[in-house]
Amino acid sequence: MNSICAYPMYQMPELEHLIAAWWQGSRRHMLEQGLHVPEQLAQVDNHYPHWRDKHLLLSQTCGYPLTHDLQGQVQYVATQGYNTPYSSGPNYCSLMLVRKDEGATDINAMRQTRVAFNGLDSQSGYHALCKLIAPLVANAQGQAFFSKVIEAGSHRRSLAMVAQGQADLCAVDCVTYTLLQHHAPAVVADLRILTSTESTPGLPYITSLSRSPETLSKLRSGLMAAGQDPALESIRDGLHMGPVVVLQGQQPYQAILDLAQQASVLGYEQLI
């Protein structure tokens, strides 16, 4: 079976041509490293099976699955930096979005409103919001903060639910928001930013545990070369990509674990 390579996390119809071009440029650098790399990216409907597949050569996941559901099942490769008005480098934050006609001026004013989120395993759409709300719930002696919690299935659907009045608030990572502003501005035209969350490391590249240290090194070298290749600059700009960084330390995504622990200590591990 051929190796699996995928770029599943920032997939939008408006970006298909840019993602395809980015992959061809990245692939060229990986081939120069001596890797056997598929010509086309795999199309992924269900993220977890391909993340756990022993044939996985390269994919991108979210920081929360990396530190939780995929812990001990995949290898961390590197972190793709992104350049947005709200972040730069390997760290990113989530933005709390409300309708433009919403009168709230801070997150505390959103008590007993309806919140939409993309999925339970999302750092940017769910767990970052839990950490933001946790101190407010603790001060309210455990009273539910939101009147309704809605799993939308995707960031884009969360945004649509707020824009259409089916929800009042959602959390979306700043890269998704910036990409939509530039490539699909109508999606966010009726929304505004209420506040933002603490920054954490952005979406990591991963590979299978079965890949050797030599392969891991070559993947990192190929990705970092692509992240600095002048010939790919316009493509990176279109995707708001910055350099690729290898985060150091025994647990490069410790910040996500720390924030989850802080929310847990305050008794707010899930949105209520």
C-alpha atoms as a PDB file:
ATOM      1  CA  MET A   1       0.000   0.000   0.000  1.00  0.00           C
ATOM      2  CA  ASN A   2       1.241   3.480  -0.850  1.00  0.00           C
ATOM      3  CA  SER A   3       2.069   5.998   1.833  1.00  0.00           C
ATOM      4  CA  ILE A   4      -0.749   8.305   2.881  1.00  0.00           C
ATOM      5  CA  CYS A   5      -0.333  12.074   2.797  1.00  0.00           C
ATOM      6  CA  ALA A   6      -3.196  14.439   3.576  1.00  0.00           C
ATOM      7  CA  TYR A   7      -3.908  18.067   4.428  1.00  0.00           C
ATOM      8  CA  PRO A   8      -7.347  17.764   6.030  1.00  0.00           C
ATOM      9  CA  MET A   9      -7.643  20.642   8.492  1.00  0.00           C
ATOM     10  CA  TYR A  10      -8.024  23.839   6.452  1.00  0.00           C
ATOM     11  CA  GLN A  11      -9.884  22.355   3.525  1.00  0.00           C
ATOM     12  CA  MET A  12     -12.242  24.812   1.808  1.00  0.00           C
ATOM     13  CA  PRO A  13     -13.536  24.691  -1.780  1.00  0.00           C
ATOM     14  CA  GLU A  14     -12.076  28.161  -2.310  1.00  0.00           C
ATOM     15  CA  LEU A  15      -8.593  26.906  -1.383  1.00  0.00           C
ATOM     16  CA  GLU A  16      -8.389  23.711  -3.419  1.00  0.00           C
ATOM     17  CA  HIS A  17      -6.052  25.182  -6.057  1.00  0.00           C
ATOM     18  CA  LEU A  18      -3.749  26.693  -3.438  1.00  0.00           C
ATOM     19  CA  ILE A  19      -3.581  23.499  -1.372  1.00  0.00           C
ATOM     20  CA  ALA A  20      -2.820  21.460  -4.491  1.00  0.00           C
ATOM     21  CA  ALA A  21      -0.038  23.874  -5.431  1.00  0.00           C
ATOM     22  CA  TRP A  22       1.354  23.866  -1.896  1.00  0.00           C
ATOM     23  CA  TRP A  23       1.448  20.086  -1.895  1.00  0.00           C
ATOM     24  CA  GLN A  24       3.286  19.897  -5.208  1.00  0.00           C
ATOM     25  CA  GLY A  25       5.882  22.360  -3.931  1.00  0.00           C
ATOM     26  CA  SER A  26       6.256  20.545  -0.612  1.00  0.00           C
ATOM     27  CA  ARG A  27       6.398  17.192  -2.375  1.00  0.00           C
ATOM     28  CA  ARG A  28       9.274  18.381  -4.534  1.00  0.00           C
ATOM     29  CA  HIS A  29      11.305  19.210  -1.435  1.00  0.00           C
ATOM     30  CA  MET A  30      10.471  15.849   0.139  1.00  0.00           C
ATOM     31  CA  LEU A  31      11.489  14.008  -3.005  1.00  0.00           C
ATOM     32  CA  GLU A  32      14.797  15.865  -2.823  1.00  0.00           C
ATOM     33  CA  GLN A  33      15.175  14.412   0.670  1.00  0.00           C
ATOM     34  CA  GLY A  34      14.837  10.926  -0.791  1.00  0.00           C
ATOM     35  CA  LEU A  35      11.305  10.239   0.451  1.00  0.00           C
ATOM     36  CA  HIS A  36       8.781   8.236  -1.556  1.00  0.00           C
ATOM     37  CA  VAL A  37       5.822  10.608  -1.568  1.00  0.00           C
ATOM     38  CA  PRO A  38       2.445  10.174  -3.307  1.00  0.00           C
ATOM     39  CA  GLU A  39       1.714  12.577  -6.124  1.00  0.00           C
ATOM     40  CA  GLN A  40      -1.736  13.480  -4.822  1.00  0.00           C
ATOM     41  CA  LEU A  41      -3.061  14.202  -1.354  1.00  0.00           C
ATOM     42  CA  ALA A  42      -5.513  11.665   0.033  1.00  0.00           C
ATOM     43  CA  GLN A  43      -9.115  12.828   0.303  1.00  0.00           C
ATOM     44  CA  VAL A  44     -10.175  12.237   3.894  1.00  0.00           C
ATOM     45  CA  ASP A  45     -13.782  11.914   5.062  1.00  0.00           C
ATOM     46  CA  ASN A  46     -13.052  10.507   8.530  1.00  0.00           C
ATOM     47  CA  HIS A  47      -9.944  11.954  10.150  1.00  0.00           C
ATOM     48  CA  TYR A  48      -9.108   9.387  12.820  1.00  0.00           C
ATOM     49  CA  PRO A  49      -8.684   6.243  10.680  1.00  0.00           C
ATOM     50  CA  HIS A  50      -6.091   7.893   8.450  1.00  0.00           C
ATOM     51  CA  TRP A  51      -4.319   9.549  11.394  1.00  0.00           C
ATOM     52  CA  ARG A  52      -3.935   6.115  13.006  1.00  0.00           C
ATOM     53  CA  ASP A  53      -3.050   4.264   9.804  1.00  0.00           C
ATOM     54  CA  LYS A  54       0.423   2.660   9.925  1.00  0.00           C
ATOM     55  CA  HIS A  55       0.950   3.818   6.322  1.00  0.00           C
ATOM     56  CA  LEU A  56       0.537   7.497   7.241  1.00  0.00           C
ATOM     57  CA  LEU A  57       3.518   9.509   6.039  1.00  0.00           C
ATOM     58  CA  LEU A  58       2.211  13.022   6.654  1.00  0.00           C
ATOM     59  CA  SER A  59      -0.981  14.695   7.761  1.00  0.00           C
ATOM     60  CA  GLN A  60      -2.101  17.607   9.885  1.00  0.00           C
ATOM     61  CA  THR A  61      -4.208  17.296  13.011  1.00  0.00           C
ATOM     62  CA  CYS A  62      -5.471  19.561  15.792  1.00  0.00           C
ATOM     63  CA  GLY A  63      -3.511  20.074  19.001  1.00  0.00           C
ATOM     64  CA  TYR A  64      -6.199  18.530  21.201  1.00  0.00           C
ATOM     65  CA  PRO A  65      -6.324  15.151  19.413  1.00  0.00           C
ATOM     66  CA  LEU A  66      -2.506  15.137  19.413  1.00  0.00           C
ATOM     67  CA  THR A  67      -2.389  15.478  23.204  1.00  0.00           C
ATOM     68  CA  HIS A  68      -5.423  13.290  23.943  1.00  0.00           C
ATOM     69  CA  ASP A  69      -7.022  10.779  21.529  1.00  0.00           C
ATOM     70  CA  LEU A  70      -3.832  10.314  19.470  1.00  0.00           C
ATOM     71  CA  GLN A  71      -1.409  10.400  22.390  1.00  0.00           C
ATOM     72  CA  GLY A  72       1.122   7.594  21.954  1.00  0.00           C
ATOM     73  CA  GLN A  73      -0.356   6.656  18.556  1.00  0.00           C
ATOM     74  CA  VAL A  74       1.395   9.100  16.202  1.00  0.00           C
ATOM     75  CA  GLN A  75       4.661  11.026  15.984  1.00  0.00           C
ATOM     76  CA  TYR A  76       4.830  14.794  16.056  1.00  0.00           C
ATOM     77  CA  VAL A  77       6.646  16.136  12.991  1.00  0.00           C
ATOM     78  CA  ALA A  78       6.439  19.938  13.018  1.00  0.00           C
ATOM     79  CA  THR A  79       4.101  22.898  13.351  1.00  0.00           C
ATOM     80  CA  GLN A  80       3.008  24.982  10.395  1.00  0.00           C
ATOM     81  CA  GLY A  81       3.264  28.668  11.202  1.00  0.00           C
ATOM     82  CA  TYR A  82       0.514  30.983   9.965  1.00  0.00           C
ATOM     83  CA  ASN A  83       0.441  34.746   9.591  1.00  0.00           C
ATOM     84  CA  THR A  84      -2.824  36.436  10.542  1.00  0.00           C
ATOM     85  CA  PRO A  85      -3.742  39.799  12.091  1.00  0.00           C
ATOM     86  CA  TYR A  86      -4.352  37.897  15.337  1.00  0.00           C
ATOM     87  CA  SER A  87      -1.286  35.660  15.495  1.00  0.00           C
ATOM     88  CA  SER A  88       2.026  34.825  13.911  1.00  0.00           C
ATOM     89  CA  GLY A  89       4.481  31.966  13.980  1.00  0.00           C
ATOM     90  CA  PRO A  90       3.604  28.551  15.405  1.00  0.00           C
ATOM     91  CA  ASN A  91       1.037  29.814  17.945  1.00  0.00           C
ATOM     92  CA  TYR A  92      -2.556  30.762  17.279  1.00  0.00           C
ATOM     93  CA  CYS A  93      -5.702  31.742  19.160  1.00  0.00           C
ATOM     94  CA  SER A  94      -9.450  31.381  18.789  1.00  0.00           C
ATOM     95  CA  LEU A  95     -11.789  34.259  18.079  1.00  0.00           C
ATOM     96  CA  MET A  96     -15.222  34.553  19.675  1.00  0.00           C
ATOM     97  CA  LEU A  97     -17.626  35.584  16.931  1.00  0.00           C
ATOM     98  CA  VAL A  98     -21.054  37.181  17.369  1.00  0.00           C
ATOM     99  CA  ARG A  99     -23.424  38.937  14.992  1.00  0.00           C
ATOM    100  CA  LYS A 100     -22.623  42.541  14.225  1.00  0.00           C
ATOM    101  CA  ASP A 101     -25.908  43.656  15.797  1.00  0.00           C
ATOM    102  CA  GLU A 102     -25.101  41.854  19.069  1.00  0.00           C
ATOM    103  CA  GLY A 103     -24.717  44.478  21.791  1.00  0.00           C
ATOM    104  CA  ALA A 104     -22.389  42.537  24.093  1.00  0.00           C
ATOM    105  CA  THR A 105     -19.005  44.108  24.766  1.00  0.00           C
ATOM    106  CA  ASP A 106     -17.392  41.192  26.628  1.00  0.00           C
ATOM    107  CA  ILE A 107     -17.779  37.448  27.028  1.00  0.00           C
ATOM    108  CA  ASN A 108     -19.501  37.779  30.407  1.00  0.00           C
ATOM    109  CA  ALA A 109     -22.425  39.459  28.662  1.00  0.00           C
ATOM    110  CA  MET A 110     -23.071  36.248  26.694  1.00  0.00           C
ATOM    111  CA  ARG A 111     -24.515  34.367  29.663  1.00  0.00           C
ATOM    112  CA  GLN A 112     -27.604  32.317  28.830  1.00  0.00           C
ATOM    113  CA  THR A 113     -27.048  32.579  25.096  1.00  0.00           C
ATOM    114  CA  ARG A 114     -26.682  29.791  22.544  1.00  0.00           C
ATOM    115  CA  VAL A 115     -23.184  28.671  21.590  1.00  0.00           C
ATOM    116  CA  ALA A 116     -22.198  26.630  18.518  1.00  0.00           C
ATOM    117  CA  PHE A 117     -18.986  24.633  18.273  1.00  0.00           C
ATOM    118  CA  ASN A 118     -17.451  22.471  15.582  1.00  0.00           C
ATOM    119  CA  GLY A 119     -16.593  19.308  17.531  1.00  0.00           C
ATOM    120  CA  LEU A 120     -15.774  17.921  20.958  1.00  0.00           C
ATOM    121  CA  ASP A 121     -12.163  17.201  19.985  1.00  0.00           C
ATOM    122  CA  SER A 122     -11.410  20.702  18.712  1.00  0.00           C
ATOM    123  CA  GLN A 123      -8.930  22.810  20.658  1.00  0.00           C
ATOM    124  CA  SER A 124      -9.904  26.012  18.864  1.00  0.00           C
ATOM    125  CA  GLY A 125     -13.671  25.553  18.681  1.00  0.00           C
ATOM    126  CA  TYR A 126     -14.387  23.815  21.988  1.00  0.00           C
ATOM    127  CA  HIS A 127     -11.603  23.474  24.546  1.00  0.00           C
ATOM    128  CA  ALA A 128     -10.198  26.989  24.173  1.00  0.00           C
ATOM    129  CA  LEU A 129     -13.731  28.248  24.800  1.00  0.00           C
ATOM    130  CA  CYS A 130     -14.076  26.004  27.866  1.00  0.00           C
ATOM    131  CA  LYS A 131     -10.942  27.567  29.342  1.00  0.00           C
ATOM    132  CA  LEU A 132     -12.211  31.082  28.584  1.00  0.00           C
ATOM    133  CA  ILE A 133     -15.575  30.429  30.248  1.00  0.00           C
ATOM    134  CA  ALA A 134     -14.329  28.317  33.182  1.00  0.00           C
ATOM    135  CA  PRO A 135     -13.520  31.229  35.580  1.00  0.00           C
ATOM    136  CA  LEU A 136     -16.922  32.791  34.902  1.00  0.00           C
ATOM    137  CA  VAL A 137     -18.725  29.533  35.695  1.00  0.00           C
ATOM    138  CA  ALA A 138     -16.636  29.059  38.844  1.00  0.00           C
ATOM    139  CA  ASN A 139     -17.675  32.513  40.041  1.00  0.00           C
ATOM    140  CA  ALA A 140     -21.320  31.640  39.336  1.00  0.00           C
ATOM    141  CA  GLN A 141     -21.063  28.603  41.650  1.00  0.00           C
ATOM    142  CA  GLY A 142     -21.573  26.080  38.857  1.00  0.00           C
ATOM    143  CA  GLN A 143     -24.641  27.623  37.236  1.00  0.00           C
ATOM    144  CA  ALA A 144     -24.737  26.823  33.519  1.00  0.00           C
ATOM    145  CA  PHE A 145     -23.229  29.617  31.455  1.00  0.00           C
ATOM    146  CA  PHE A 146     -24.979  28.920  28.151  1.00  0.00           C
ATOM    147  CA  SER A 147     -28.663  28.264  27.595  1.00  0.00           C
ATOM    148  CA  LYS A 148     -27.939  25.890  24.710  1.00  0.00           C
ATOM    149  CA  VAL A 149     -24.799  24.157  23.383  1.00  0.00           C
ATOM    150  CA  ILE A 150     -24.938  23.070  19.721  1.00  0.00           C
ATOM    151  CA  GLU A 151     -22.454  20.805  17.939  1.00  0.00           C
ATOM    152  CA  ALA A 152     -22.347  22.194  14.401  1.00  0.00           C
ATOM    153  CA  GLY A 153     -19.835  19.769  12.879  1.00  0.00           C
ATOM    154  CA  SER A 154     -17.473  22.346  11.374  1.00  0.00           C
ATOM    155  CA  HIS A 155     -16.186  25.859  11.948  1.00  0.00           C
ATOM    156  CA  ARG A 156     -17.930  27.032   8.809  1.00  0.00           C
ATOM    157  CA  ARG A 157     -21.259  25.645   9.981  1.00  0.00           C
ATOM    158  CA  SER A 158     -20.779  27.263  13.413  1.00  0.00           C
ATOM    159  CA  LEU A 159     -20.259  30.625  11.718  1.00  0.00           C
ATOM    160  CA  ALA A 160     -23.337  30.112   9.539  1.00  0.00           C
ATOM    161  CA  MET A 161     -25.483  29.275  12.575  1.00  0.00           C
ATOM    162  CA  VAL A 162     -24.458  32.505  14.288  1.00  0.00           C
ATOM    163  CA  ALA A 163     -24.943  34.581  11.138  1.00  0.00           C
ATOM    164  CA  GLN A 164     -28.405  33.044  10.580  1.00  0.00           C
ATOM    165  CA  GLY A 165     -29.532  33.544  14.169  1.00  0.00           C
ATOM    166  CA  GLN A 166     -29.553  29.847  15.091  1.00  0.00           C
ATOM    167  CA  ALA A 167     -26.792  30.478  17.646  1.00  0.00           C
ATOM    168  CA  ASP A 168     -25.415  33.591  19.323  1.00  0.00           C
ATOM    169  CA  LEU A 169     -21.716  32.832  19.675  1.00  0.00           C
ATOM    170  CA  CYS A 170     -19.031  30.528  18.322  1.00  0.00           C
ATOM    171  CA  ALA A 171     -15.277  30.063  18.671  1.00  0.00           C
ATOM    172  CA  VAL A 172     -13.237  29.764  15.478  1.00  0.00           C
ATOM    173  CA  ASP A 173      -9.478  29.626  15.141  1.00  0.00           C
ATOM    174  CA  CYS A 174      -7.936  32.794  13.752  1.00  0.00           C
ATOM    175  CA  VAL A 175      -6.463  31.035  10.716  1.00  0.00           C
ATOM    176  CA  THR A 176      -9.858  29.775   9.558  1.00  0.00           C
ATOM    177  CA  TYR A 177     -11.356  33.217  10.130  1.00  0.00           C
ATOM    178  CA  THR A 178      -8.591  34.985   8.209  1.00  0.00           C
ATOM    179  CA  LEU A 179      -8.785  32.527   5.302  1.00  0.00           C
ATOM    180  CA  LEU A 180     -12.534  33.060   5.080  1.00  0.00           C
ATOM    181  CA  GLN A 181     -12.153  36.841   5.254  1.00  0.00           C
ATOM    182  CA  HIS A 182      -9.870  36.735   2.226  1.00  0.00           C
ATOM    183  CA  HIS A 183     -11.350  33.899   0.173  1.00  0.00           C
ATOM    184  CA  ALA A 184     -15.036  33.744   1.184  1.00  0.00           C
ATOM    185  CA  PRO A 185     -15.796  37.107   2.848  1.00  0.00           C
ATOM    186  CA  ALA A 186     -19.575  36.672   2.658  1.00  0.00           C
ATOM    187  CA  VAL A 187     -19.343  33.879   5.253  1.00  0.00           C
ATOM    188  CA  VAL A 188     -18.156  36.298   7.961  1.00  0.00           C
ATOM    189  CA  ALA A 189     -19.574  39.572   6.633  1.00  0.00           C
ATOM    190  CA  ASP A 190     -22.340  39.776   9.252  1.00  0.00           C
ATOM    191  CA  LEU A 191     -20.132  38.785  12.199  1.00  0.00           C
ATOM    192  CA  ARG A 192     -17.719  40.599  14.499  1.00  0.00           C
ATOM    193  CA  ILE A 193     -15.030  39.556  16.947  1.00  0.00           C
ATOM    194  CA  LEU A 194     -16.082  39.806  20.583  1.00  0.00           C
ATOM    195  CA  THR A 195     -12.841  38.620  22.167  1.00  0.00           C
ATOM    196  CA  SER A 196     -10.066  36.070  21.737  1.00  0.00           C
ATOM    197  CA  THR A 197      -8.617  33.187  23.735  1.00  0.00           C
ATOM    198  CA  GLU A 198      -5.130  32.457  25.020  1.00  0.00           C
ATOM    199  CA  SER A 199      -2.651  31.361  22.371  1.00  0.00           C
ATOM    200  CA  THR A 200      -1.515  27.754  22.037  1.00  0.00           C
ATOM    201  CA  PRO A 201       0.639  25.931  19.472  1.00  0.00           C
ATOM    202  CA  GLY A 202      -1.138  25.652  16.130  1.00  0.00           C
ATOM    203  CA  LEU A 203      -2.072  22.600  14.089  1.00  0.00           C
ATOM    204  CA  PRO A 204       0.738  20.015  14.059  1.00  0.00           C
ATOM    205  CA  TYR A 205       1.971  17.839  11.232  1.00  0.00           C
ATOM    206  CA  ILE A 206       2.103  14.171  12.250  1.00  0.00           C
ATOM    207  CA  THR A 207       3.354  10.847  10.922  1.00  0.00           C
ATOM    208  CA  SER A 208       2.869   7.200  11.867  1.00  0.00           C
ATOM    209  CA  LEU A 209       4.696   5.658  14.797  1.00  0.00           C
ATOM    210  CA  SER A 210       6.055   3.142  12.289  1.00  0.00           C
ATOM    211  CA  ARG A 211       8.155   5.813  10.551  1.00  0.00           C
ATOM    212  CA  SER A 212      11.858   5.746  11.330  1.00  0.00           C
ATOM    213  CA  PRO A 213      13.854   8.608  12.888  1.00  0.00           C
ATOM    214  CA  GLU A 214      15.510   9.054   9.482  1.00  0.00           C
ATOM    215  CA  THR A 215      12.132   9.481   7.774  1.00  0.00           C
ATOM    216  CA  LEU A 216      11.000  11.887  10.493  1.00  0.00           C
ATOM    217  CA  SER A 217      14.125  14.002   9.936  1.00  0.00           C
ATOM    218  CA  LYS A 218      13.573  14.052   6.178  1.00  0.00           C
ATOM    219  CA  LEU A 219       9.934  15.098   6.601  1.00  0.00           C
ATOM    220  CA  ARG A 220      10.996  17.983   8.807  1.00  0.00           C
ATOM    221  CA  SER A 221      13.706  19.083   6.409  1.00  0.00           C
ATOM    222  CA  GLY A 222      11.347  18.934   3.427  1.00  0.00           C
ATOM    223  CA  LEU A 223       8.604  20.890   5.165  1.00  0.00           C
ATOM    224  CA  MET A 224      10.981  23.554   6.457  1.00  0.00           C
ATOM    225  CA  ALA A 225      12.505  23.949   2.996  1.00  0.00           C
ATOM    226  CA  ALA A 226       9.042  24.373   1.464  1.00  0.00           C
ATOM    227  CA  GLY A 227       8.221  26.936   4.145  1.00  0.00           C
ATOM    228  CA  GLN A 228      11.148  29.075   2.996  1.00  0.00           C
ATOM    229  CA  ASP A 229      11.139  28.408  -0.753  1.00  0.00           C
ATOM    230  CA  PRO A 230      10.836  31.748  -2.637  1.00  0.00           C
ATOM    231  CA  ALA A 231       9.087  29.945  -5.507  1.00  0.00           C
ATOM    232  CA  LEU A 232       6.219  29.051  -3.133  1.00  0.00           C
ATOM    233  CA  GLU A 233       5.879  32.494  -1.561  1.00  0.00           C
ATOM    234  CA  SER A 234       2.682  33.516  -3.371  1.00  0.00           C
ATOM    235  CA  ILE A 235       1.081  30.172  -2.503  1.00  0.00           C
ATOM    236  CA  ARG A 236       2.066  30.502   1.151  1.00  0.00           C
ATOM    237  CA  ASP A 237       0.701  34.057   1.153  1.00  0.00           C
ATOM    238  CA  GLY A 238      -2.620  32.805  -0.218  1.00  0.00           C
ATOM    239  CA  LEU A 239      -2.800  30.252   2.593  1.00  0.00           C
ATOM    240  CA  HIS A 240      -1.408  32.720   5.180  1.00  0.00           C
ATOM    241  CA  MET A 241       1.408  30.290   5.878  1.00  0.00           C
ATOM    242  CA  GLY A 242       4.602  31.246   7.621  1.00  0.00           C
ATOM    243  CA  PRO A 243       7.679  29.126   8.313  1.00  0.00           C
ATOM    244  CA  VAL A 244       7.464  25.530   9.526  1.00  0.00           C
ATOM    245  CA  VAL A 245       8.795  25.163  13.071  1.00  0.00           C
ATOM    246  CA  VAL A 246       9.793  22.094  15.085  1.00  0.00           C
ATOM    247  CA  LEU A 247       8.718  22.798  18.648  1.00  0.00           C
ATOM    248  CA  GLN A 248      11.167  21.560  21.241  1.00  0.00           C
ATOM    249  CA  GLY A 249      10.651  19.870  24.579  1.00  0.00           C
ATOM    250  CA  GLN A 250       9.437  16.537  25.873  1.00  0.00           C
ATOM    251  CA  GLN A 251       5.847  17.589  25.228  1.00  0.00           C
ATOM    252  CA  PRO A 252       5.766  20.383  22.595  1.00  0.00           C
ATOM    253  CA  TYR A 253       2.026  20.881  23.080  1.00  0.00           C
ATOM    254  CA  GLN A 254       2.129  21.081  26.873  1.00  0.00           C
ATOM    255  CA  ALA A 255       0.243  24.404  26.768  1.00  0.00           C
ATOM    256  CA  ILE A 256      -2.894  22.595  25.577  1.00  0.00           C
ATOM    257  CA  LEU A 257      -2.637  20.080  28.401  1.00  0.00           C
ATOM    258  CA  ASP A 258      -2.114  22.918  30.881  1.00  0.00           C
ATOM    259  CA  LEU A 259      -5.194  24.823  29.713  1.00  0.00           C
ATOM    260  CA  ALA A 260      -7.315  21.663  29.850  1.00  0.00           C
ATOM    261  CA  GLN A 261      -6.088  21.038  33.392  1.00  0.00           C
ATOM    262  CA  GLN A 262      -6.902  24.604  34.434  1.00  0.00           C
ATOM    263  CA  ALA A 263     -10.458  24.265  33.130  1.00  0.00           C
ATOM    264  CA  SER A 264     -10.769  20.920  34.921  1.00  0.00           C
ATOM    265  CA  VAL A 265      -9.619  22.399  38.234  1.00  0.00           C
ATOM    266  CA  LEU A 266     -12.337  25.025  37.879  1.00  0.00           C
ATOM    267  CA  GLY A 267     -14.890  22.274  37.251  1.00  0.00           C
ATOM    268  CA  TYR A 268     -15.566  23.176  33.639  1.00  0.00           C
ATOM    269  CA  GLU A 269     -14.312  20.423  31.342  1.00  0.00           C
ATOM    270  CA  GLN A 270     -17.293  20.694  28.993  1.00  0.00           C
ATOM    271  CA  LEU A 271     -19.497  23.486  27.735  1.00  0.00           C
ATOM    272  CA  ILE A 272     -22.701  23.892  29.748  1.00  0.00           C
END
